[in-house]
C-alpha atoms as a PDB file:
ATOM      1  CA  MET A   1      99.930 114.841 118.039  1.00  0.00           C
ATOM      2  CA  PRO A   2     103.064 114.630 115.923  1.00  0.00           C
ATOM      3  CA  ARG A   3     101.584 115.781 112.603  1.00  0.00           C
ATOM      4  CA  LYS A   4     104.666 114.584 110.736  1.00  0.00           C
ATOM      5  CA  LEU A   5     103.542 111.019 111.479  1.00  0.00           C
ATOM      6  CA  VAL A   6     100.159 111.312 109.767  1.00  0.00           C
ATOM      7  CA  GLY A   7     100.548 109.078 106.725  1.00  0.00           C
ATOM      8  CA  ALA A   8     104.102 108.153 107.739  1.00  0.00           C
ATOM      9  CA  THR A   9     105.712 104.915 106.621  1.00  0.00           C
ATOM     10  CA  ALA A  10     105.827 101.928 108.943  1.00  0.00           C
ATOM     11  CA  GLU A  11     109.546 102.518 109.385  1.00  0.00           C
ATOM     12  CA  ALA A  12     109.018 106.140 110.432  1.00  0.00           C
ATOM     13  CA  LEU A  13     106.339 105.076 112.929  1.00  0.00           C
ATOM     14  CA  ALA A  14     108.567 102.369 114.390  1.00  0.00           C
ATOM     15  CA  ASP A  15     111.448 104.850 114.675  1.00  0.00           C
ATOM     16  CA  HIS A  16     109.191 107.336 116.435  1.00  0.00           C
ATOM     17  CA  PHE A  17     108.046 104.830 119.055  1.00  0.00           C
ATOM     18  CA  VAL A  18     111.522 103.433 119.689  1.00  0.00           C
ATOM     19  CA  ASN A  19     112.911 106.951 120.072  1.00  0.00           C
ATOM     20  CA  TYR A  20     110.072 107.771 122.465  1.00  0.00           C
ATOM     21  CA  LEU A  21     110.854 104.728 124.623  1.00  0.00           C
ATOM     22  CA  PHE A  22     114.553 105.543 124.854  1.00  0.00           C
ATOM     23  CA  ALA A  23     113.979 109.251 125.545  1.00  0.00           C
ATOM     24  CA  LYS A  24     111.149 108.825 128.053  1.00  0.00           C
ATOM     25  CA  TYR A  25     112.490 105.756 129.882  1.00  0.00           C
ATOM     26  CA  PRO A  26     116.303 105.840 129.611  1.00  0.00           C
ATOM     27  CA  ASP A  27     116.822 103.823 132.806  1.00  0.00           C
ATOM     28  CA  HIS A  28     113.858 101.446 132.606  1.00  0.00           C
ATOM     29  CA  ARG A  29     115.007  98.245 130.953  1.00  0.00           C
ATOM     30  CA  HIS A  30     111.591  96.619 131.284  1.00  0.00           C
ATOM     31  CA  VAL A  31     110.164  99.403 129.091  1.00  0.00           C
ATOM     32  CA  ARG A  32     113.032  99.612 126.600  1.00  0.00           C
ATOM     33  CA  ARG A  33     113.056  95.836 126.036  1.00  0.00           C
ATOM     34  CA  VAL A  34     109.999  96.176 123.795  1.00  0.00           C
ATOM     35  CA  ALA A  35     112.023  98.261 121.320  1.00  0.00           C
ATOM     36  CA  SER A  36     113.042  95.158 119.381  1.00  0.00           C
ATOM     37  CA  TRP A  37     109.375  94.271 118.858  1.00  0.00           C
ATOM     38  CA  VAL A  38     108.052  97.632 117.705  1.00  0.00           C
ATOM     39  CA  GLY A  39     108.769  97.189 113.997  1.00  0.00           C
ATOM     40  CA  LEU A  40     107.031  93.807 113.927  1.00  0.00           C
ATOM     41  CA  ILE A  41     103.993  95.201 115.699  1.00  0.00           C
ATOM     42  CA  VAL A  42     103.773  98.246 113.410  1.00  0.00           C
ATOM     43  CA  LEU A  43     104.069  96.034 110.317  1.00  0.00           C
ATOM     44  CA  GLY A  44     101.422  93.658 111.698  1.00  0.00           C
ATOM     45  CA  ILE A  45      99.067  96.585 112.266  1.00  0.00           C
ATOM     46  CA  GLU A  46      99.787  97.847 108.772  1.00  0.00           C
ATOM     47  CA  LYS A  47      98.625  94.496 107.370  1.00  0.00           C
ATOM     48  CA  LEU A  48      95.164  94.805 108.885  1.00  0.00           C
ATOM     49  CA  ALA A  49      94.452  98.460 109.431  1.00  0.00           C
ATOM     50  CA  GLY A  50      92.081 100.278 107.123  1.00  0.00           C
ATOM     51  CA  GLY A  51      93.689 103.434 108.431  1.00  0.00           C
ATOM     52  CA  ARG A  52      96.206 104.281 111.089  1.00  0.00           C
ATOM     53  CA  TYR A  53      96.963 107.434 112.937  1.00  0.00           C
ATOM     54  CA  VAL A  54      98.946 108.613 115.926  1.00  0.00           C
ATOM     55  CA  PRO A  55      96.818 110.844 118.141  1.00  0.00           C
ATOM     56  CA  ARG A  56      99.381 110.878 120.934  1.00  0.00           C
ATOM     57  CA  SER A  57     103.116 110.437 120.895  1.00  0.00           C
ATOM     58  CA  ARG A  58     102.952 107.180 122.840  1.00  0.00           C
ATOM     59  CA  GLN A  59     100.071 105.265 121.273  1.00  0.00           C
ATOM     60  CA  LEU A  60      99.394 103.907 117.816  1.00  0.00           C
ATOM     61  CA  HIS A  61      95.698 104.004 117.004  1.00  0.00           C
ATOM     62  CA  PHE A  62      94.256 102.020 114.119  1.00  0.00           C
ATOM     63  CA  ASP A  63      90.968 100.780 112.735  1.00  0.00           C
ATOM     64  CA  TYR A  64      90.135  97.177 111.912  1.00  0.00           C
ATOM     65  CA  ASN A  65      86.858  95.456 111.165  1.00  0.00           C
ATOM     66  CA  SER A  66      84.816  98.612 111.923  1.00  0.00           C
ATOM     67  CA  LYS A  67      86.397  98.972 115.378  1.00  0.00           C
ATOM     68  CA  SER A  68      89.122 101.210 116.744  1.00  0.00           C
ATOM     69  CA  TYR A  69      92.129  99.960 118.677  1.00  0.00           C
ATOM     70  CA  LYS A  70      95.344 101.267 120.133  1.00  0.00           C
ATOM     71  CA  ALA A  71      98.694  99.654 120.756  1.00  0.00           C
ATOM     72  CA  THR A  72     100.189 100.973 123.961  1.00  0.00           C
ATOM     73  CA  PHE A  73     102.827  99.995 126.501  1.00  0.00           C
ATOM     74  CA  ASN A  74     101.495  98.412 129.681  1.00  0.00           C
ATOM     75  CA  HIS A  75     103.803  97.748 132.615  1.00  0.00           C
ATOM     76  CA  ASN A  76     101.734  94.665 133.502  1.00  0.00           C
ATOM     77  CA  ALA A  77     100.850  93.363 130.039  1.00  0.00           C
ATOM     78  CA  GLY A  78      99.840  89.724 130.024  1.00  0.00           C
ATOM     79  CA  GLY A  79     100.238  89.545 133.797  1.00  0.00           C
ATOM     80  CA  SER A  80     103.974  90.083 133.368  1.00  0.00           C
ATOM     81  CA  ARG A  81     105.946  92.316 135.683  1.00  0.00           C
ATOM     82  CA  ARG A  82     108.258  93.018 132.777  1.00  0.00           C
ATOM     83  CA  GLY A  83     105.639  94.806 130.688  1.00  0.00           C
ATOM     84  CA  GLY A  84     104.685  94.582 127.059  1.00  0.00           C
ATOM     85  CA  ILE A  85     102.402  95.984 124.394  1.00  0.00           C
ATOM     86  CA  ASP A  86      98.639  95.746 124.766  1.00  0.00           C
ATOM     87  CA  ILE A  87      96.196  95.986 121.892  1.00  0.00           C
ATOM     88  CA  VAL A  88      93.181  97.697 123.468  1.00  0.00           C
ATOM     89  CA  GLU A  89      89.779  98.311 121.925  1.00  0.00           C
ATOM     90  CA  ILE A  90      88.659 101.943 121.922  1.00  0.00           C
ATOM     91  CA  LEU A  91      84.958 102.287 122.585  1.00  0.00           C
ATOM     92  CA  SER A  92      82.768 104.925 121.033  1.00  0.00           C
ATOM     93  CA  GLY A  93      81.793 107.754 123.298  1.00  0.00           C
ATOM     94  CA  ARG A  94      83.042 110.948 124.747  1.00  0.00           C
ATOM     95  CA  GLY A  95      86.767 110.904 125.351  1.00  0.00           C
ATOM     96  CA  SER A  96      87.275 107.624 123.456  1.00  0.00           C
ATOM     97  CA  PRO A  97      87.048 105.345 126.502  1.00  0.00           C
ATOM     98  CA  GLU A  98      89.186 102.236 126.647  1.00  0.00           C
ATOM     99  CA  GLY A  99      87.531  98.893 126.211  1.00  0.00           C
ATOM    100  CA  PRO A 100      89.037  95.509 126.893  1.00  0.00           C
ATOM    101  CA  THR A 101      92.570  94.466 126.071  1.00  0.00           C
ATOM    102  CA  VAL A 102      92.144  92.122 123.112  1.00  0.00           C
ATOM    103  CA  HIS A 103      95.744  90.933 122.977  1.00  0.00           C
ATOM    104  CA  SER A 104      98.987  91.355 124.932  1.00  0.00           C
ATOM    105  CA  ILE A 105     102.419  90.990 123.400  1.00  0.00           C
ATOM    106  CA  THR A 106     105.011  90.193 126.049  1.00  0.00           C
ATOM    107  CA  ASN A 107     108.033  88.917 124.127  1.00  0.00           C
ATOM    108  CA  LEU A 108     109.700  88.908 120.723  1.00  0.00           C
ATOM    109  CA  GLN A 109     108.143  85.571 119.705  1.00  0.00           C
ATOM    110  CA  GLU A 110     104.650  86.921 120.360  1.00  0.00           C
ATOM    111  CA  ALA A 111     105.488  90.062 118.359  1.00  0.00           C
ATOM    112  CA  SER A 112     106.615  87.832 115.493  1.00  0.00           C
ATOM    113  CA  ALA A 113     103.408  85.768 115.691  1.00  0.00           C
ATOM    114  CA  PHE A 114     101.356  88.983 115.647  1.00  0.00           C
ATOM    115  CA  TYR A 115     103.268  90.165 112.577  1.00  0.00           C
ATOM    116  CA  ASP A 116     102.746  86.823 110.799  1.00  0.00           C
ATOM    117  CA  ASN A 117      98.990  86.688 111.389  1.00  0.00           C
ATOM    118  CA  PRO A 118      97.572  89.797 113.089  1.00  0.00           C
ATOM    119  CA  THR A 119      93.945  88.872 112.283  1.00  0.00           C
ATOM    120  CA  LYS A 120      94.287  85.859 114.569  1.00  0.00           C
ATOM    121  CA  TYR A 121      94.573  88.155 117.576  1.00  0.00           C
ATOM    122  CA  LEU A 122      91.770  90.636 116.921  1.00  0.00           C
ATOM    123  CA  PRO A 123      88.024  90.010 116.973  1.00  0.00           C
END
């Protein structure tokens, strides 16, 4: 876990994830296209999260309404072959198993809508 990101600003978190995308996937346009959405998603999460943390370099975990979630890239988000960002519930239990995807963000307009009203998209 990048310890420098614990308690980091939204801007620092967004920078971290954009840098990760460009370093890890330099030739994958379908992955890098989400870079323009990252700041909106991070700011949307900041609006609703009681706490946020980054347990891995590629996922943003946060808590909302007594549940844990993560925002992570999915190559097939929303049924798209172009990929996007999924908001996935993290279930309690050993190894923090993944629960259902509660929302998929597949374009800039959806990222903007999530930023405007993130509570609309989470149970």
